[in-house]
């Protein structure tokens, strides 16, 4: 496992889901979303992708979905 740090706009997160009012609730929600994305990517590319390719794709997906620099 690895740990990453991202910067997000808390007001935007509350627009997405009004119950996201604390760092903990936002962190849990984001972790769940990332887990779902990883499962989807793995299932689509199970036989053709190595770990590094998965990591790069995951980071790019998170950047696009949350408009991160």
N, C-alpha and C. Protein backbone atom coordinates (compact mmCIF):
# COMPACT_ATOMS: atom_id res chain seq x y z
N UNK A 1 0.83 -1.18 0.00
CA UNK A 1 0.00 0.00 0.00
C UNK A 1 0.87 1.23 0.00
N UNK A 2 0.30 2.32 -0.49
CA UNK A 2 0.99 3.60 -0.43
C UNK A 2 0.02 4.65 0.07
N UNK A 3 0.58 5.75 0.50
CA UNK A 3 -0.22 6.88 0.96
C UNK A 3 0.06 8.04 0.03
N UNK A 4 -1.00 8.71 -0.40
CA UNK A 4 -0.85 9.89 -1.24
C UNK A 4 -1.56 11.05 -0.57
N UNK A 5 -1.14 12.24 -0.88
CA UNK A 5 -1.77 13.43 -0.36
C UNK A 5 -2.32 14.22 -1.54
N UNK A 6 -3.58 14.63 -1.43
CA UNK A 6 -4.17 15.46 -2.47
C UNK A 6 -4.79 16.68 -1.83
N UNK A 7 -4.91 17.74 -2.60
CA UNK A 7 -5.56 18.95 -2.13
C UNK A 7 -6.90 19.05 -2.83
N UNK A 8 -7.95 19.28 -2.06
CA UNK A 8 -9.28 19.39 -2.62
C UNK A 8 -9.97 20.62 -2.05
N UNK A 9 -10.98 21.08 -2.75
CA UNK A 9 -11.79 22.20 -2.28
C UNK A 9 -12.93 21.63 -1.44
N UNK A 10 -12.92 21.92 -0.15
CA UNK A 10 -13.92 21.35 0.75
C UNK A 10 -15.33 21.82 0.38
N UNK A 11 -15.47 23.04 -0.10
CA UNK A 11 -16.79 23.54 -0.50
C UNK A 11 -17.34 22.72 -1.67
N UNK A 12 -16.48 22.38 -2.60
CA UNK A 12 -16.90 21.55 -3.73
C UNK A 12 -17.30 20.17 -3.26
N UNK A 13 -16.55 19.61 -2.31
CA UNK A 13 -16.90 18.30 -1.77
C UNK A 13 -18.28 18.34 -1.13
N UNK A 14 -18.60 19.42 -0.42
CA UNK A 14 -19.92 19.53 0.21
C UNK A 14 -21.01 19.68 -0.85
N UNK A 15 -20.69 20.26 -2.00
CA UNK A 15 -21.66 20.33 -3.10
C UNK A 15 -21.93 18.93 -3.65
N UNK A 16 -20.89 18.12 -3.72
CA UNK A 16 -21.04 16.75 -4.19
C UNK A 16 -21.89 15.94 -3.21
N UNK A 17 -21.58 16.12 -1.92
CA UNK A 17 -22.29 15.38 -0.89
C UNK A 17 -22.29 16.22 0.38
N UNK A 18 -23.44 16.78 0.76
CA UNK A 18 -23.51 17.67 1.93
C UNK A 18 -23.06 17.04 3.24
N UNK A 19 -23.03 15.72 3.32
CA UNK A 19 -22.60 15.08 4.57
C UNK A 19 -21.07 15.06 4.72
N UNK A 20 -20.34 15.50 3.69
CA UNK A 20 -18.88 15.54 3.75
C UNK A 20 -18.45 16.83 4.44
N UNK A 21 -18.50 16.81 5.75
CA UNK A 21 -18.26 18.03 6.52
C UNK A 21 -16.96 18.01 7.31
N UNK A 22 -16.30 16.88 7.35
CA UNK A 22 -15.05 16.81 8.11
C UNK A 22 -13.97 16.16 7.26
N UNK A 23 -12.73 16.35 7.67
CA UNK A 23 -11.62 15.70 6.96
C UNK A 23 -11.79 14.19 6.96
N UNK A 24 -12.25 13.65 8.08
CA UNK A 24 -12.44 12.21 8.19
C UNK A 24 -13.50 11.71 7.21
N UNK A 25 -14.65 12.39 7.15
CA UNK A 25 -15.71 11.95 6.24
C UNK A 25 -15.28 12.09 4.78
N UNK A 26 -14.57 13.17 4.47
CA UNK A 26 -14.06 13.36 3.11
C UNK A 26 -13.05 12.27 2.78
N UNK A 27 -12.15 11.99 3.70
CA UNK A 27 -11.13 10.96 3.48
C UNK A 27 -11.74 9.58 3.25
N UNK A 28 -12.74 9.23 4.05
CA UNK A 28 -13.41 7.94 3.88
C UNK A 28 -14.12 7.87 2.53
N UNK A 29 -14.79 8.95 2.15
CA UNK A 29 -15.51 8.98 0.87
C UNK A 29 -14.53 8.85 -0.29
N UNK A 30 -13.43 9.62 -0.24
CA UNK A 30 -12.43 9.54 -1.31
C UNK A 30 -11.80 8.16 -1.38
N UNK A 31 -11.50 7.56 -0.23
CA UNK A 31 -10.91 6.22 -0.22
C UNK A 31 -11.84 5.22 -0.88
N UNK A 32 -13.12 5.33 -0.56
CA UNK A 32 -14.11 4.44 -1.17
C UNK A 32 -14.13 4.61 -2.69
N UNK A 33 -14.13 5.87 -3.15
CA UNK A 33 -14.14 6.14 -4.60
C UNK A 33 -12.89 5.59 -5.28
N UNK A 34 -11.74 5.78 -4.67
CA UNK A 34 -10.49 5.27 -5.23
C UNK A 34 -10.52 3.75 -5.27
N UNK A 35 -11.01 3.11 -4.22
CA UNK A 35 -11.11 1.65 -4.20
C UNK A 35 -11.99 1.16 -5.34
N UNK A 36 -13.12 1.84 -5.57
CA UNK A 36 -14.00 1.45 -6.67
C UNK A 36 -13.32 1.63 -8.03
N UNK A 37 -12.60 2.73 -8.20
CA UNK A 37 -11.88 2.95 -9.46
C UNK A 37 -10.83 1.88 -9.68
N UNK A 38 -10.11 1.53 -8.63
CA UNK A 38 -9.08 0.50 -8.75
C UNK A 38 -9.69 -0.84 -9.14
N UNK A 39 -10.80 -1.20 -8.50
CA UNK A 39 -11.47 -2.46 -8.84
C UNK A 39 -11.89 -2.47 -10.30
N UNK A 40 -12.43 -1.35 -10.77
CA UNK A 40 -12.86 -1.25 -12.17
C UNK A 40 -11.68 -1.38 -13.13
N UNK A 41 -10.61 -0.68 -12.83
CA UNK A 41 -9.42 -0.73 -13.68
C UNK A 41 -8.85 -2.13 -13.71
N UNK A 42 -8.74 -2.76 -12.56
CA UNK A 42 -8.18 -4.10 -12.48
C UNK A 42 -9.06 -5.08 -13.27
N UNK A 43 -10.36 -4.99 -13.11
CA UNK A 43 -11.24 -5.93 -13.81
C UNK A 43 -11.19 -5.73 -15.32
N UNK A 44 -11.00 -4.49 -15.78
CA UNK A 44 -10.93 -4.22 -17.21
C UNK A 44 -9.60 -4.65 -17.81
N UNK A 45 -8.56 -4.62 -17.02
CA UNK A 45 -7.22 -4.85 -17.54
C UNK A 45 -6.48 -5.96 -16.81
N UNK A 46 -7.20 -6.91 -16.29
CA UNK A 46 -6.61 -7.93 -15.43
C UNK A 46 -5.43 -8.65 -16.06
N UNK A 47 -5.49 -8.94 -17.33
CA UNK A 47 -4.44 -9.73 -17.96
C UNK A 47 -3.39 -8.89 -18.69
N UNK A 48 -3.59 -7.58 -18.76
CA UNK A 48 -2.71 -6.79 -19.62
C UNK A 48 -1.95 -5.68 -18.92
N UNK A 49 -2.12 -5.49 -17.63
CA UNK A 49 -1.53 -4.33 -16.97
C UNK A 49 -0.66 -4.76 -15.79
N UNK A 50 0.53 -4.17 -15.70
CA UNK A 50 1.35 -4.45 -14.53
C UNK A 50 1.07 -3.40 -13.44
N UNK A 51 1.66 -3.58 -12.31
CA UNK A 51 1.39 -2.73 -11.15
C UNK A 51 1.73 -1.26 -11.43
N UNK A 52 2.83 -1.01 -12.09
CA UNK A 52 3.23 0.38 -12.38
C UNK A 52 2.23 1.04 -13.33
N UNK A 53 1.79 0.32 -14.33
CA UNK A 53 0.78 0.87 -15.24
C UNK A 53 -0.51 1.17 -14.49
N UNK A 54 -0.91 0.29 -13.59
CA UNK A 54 -2.10 0.51 -12.78
C UNK A 54 -1.95 1.75 -11.92
N UNK A 55 -0.79 1.89 -11.29
CA UNK A 55 -0.55 3.06 -10.44
C UNK A 55 -0.65 4.35 -11.24
N UNK A 56 -0.01 4.39 -12.41
CA UNK A 56 -0.05 5.58 -13.25
C UNK A 56 -1.47 5.89 -13.71
N UNK A 57 -2.21 4.86 -14.11
CA UNK A 57 -3.58 5.07 -14.56
C UNK A 57 -4.46 5.57 -13.41
N UNK A 58 -4.28 5.01 -12.24
CA UNK A 58 -5.05 5.44 -11.09
C UNK A 58 -4.80 6.90 -10.76
N UNK A 59 -3.54 7.30 -10.74
CA UNK A 59 -3.21 8.69 -10.44
C UNK A 59 -3.81 9.62 -11.49
N UNK A 60 -3.76 9.24 -12.74
CA UNK A 60 -4.33 10.06 -13.81
C UNK A 60 -5.85 10.15 -13.68
N UNK A 61 -6.49 9.05 -13.34
CA UNK A 61 -7.94 9.05 -13.16
C UNK A 61 -8.34 9.98 -12.02
N UNK A 62 -7.62 9.92 -10.90
CA UNK A 62 -7.93 10.79 -9.77
C UNK A 62 -7.70 12.25 -10.17
N UNK A 63 -6.61 12.55 -10.87
CA UNK A 63 -6.34 13.92 -11.31
C UNK A 63 -7.48 14.45 -12.19
N UNK A 64 -7.93 13.64 -13.12
CA UNK A 64 -9.00 14.07 -14.04
C UNK A 64 -10.32 14.23 -13.31
N UNK A 65 -10.67 13.26 -12.47
CA UNK A 65 -11.96 13.31 -11.80
C UNK A 65 -12.07 14.48 -10.84
N UNK A 66 -10.98 14.82 -10.20
CA UNK A 66 -11.01 15.90 -9.20
C UNK A 66 -10.25 17.14 -9.66
N UNK A 67 -9.94 17.22 -10.96
CA UNK A 67 -9.28 18.38 -11.55
C UNK A 67 -8.05 18.80 -10.75
N UNK A 68 -7.20 17.85 -10.44
CA UNK A 68 -5.98 18.14 -9.69
C UNK A 68 -4.86 18.51 -10.66
N UNK A 69 -3.95 19.37 -10.23
CA UNK A 69 -2.85 19.76 -11.12
C UNK A 69 -1.88 18.61 -11.37
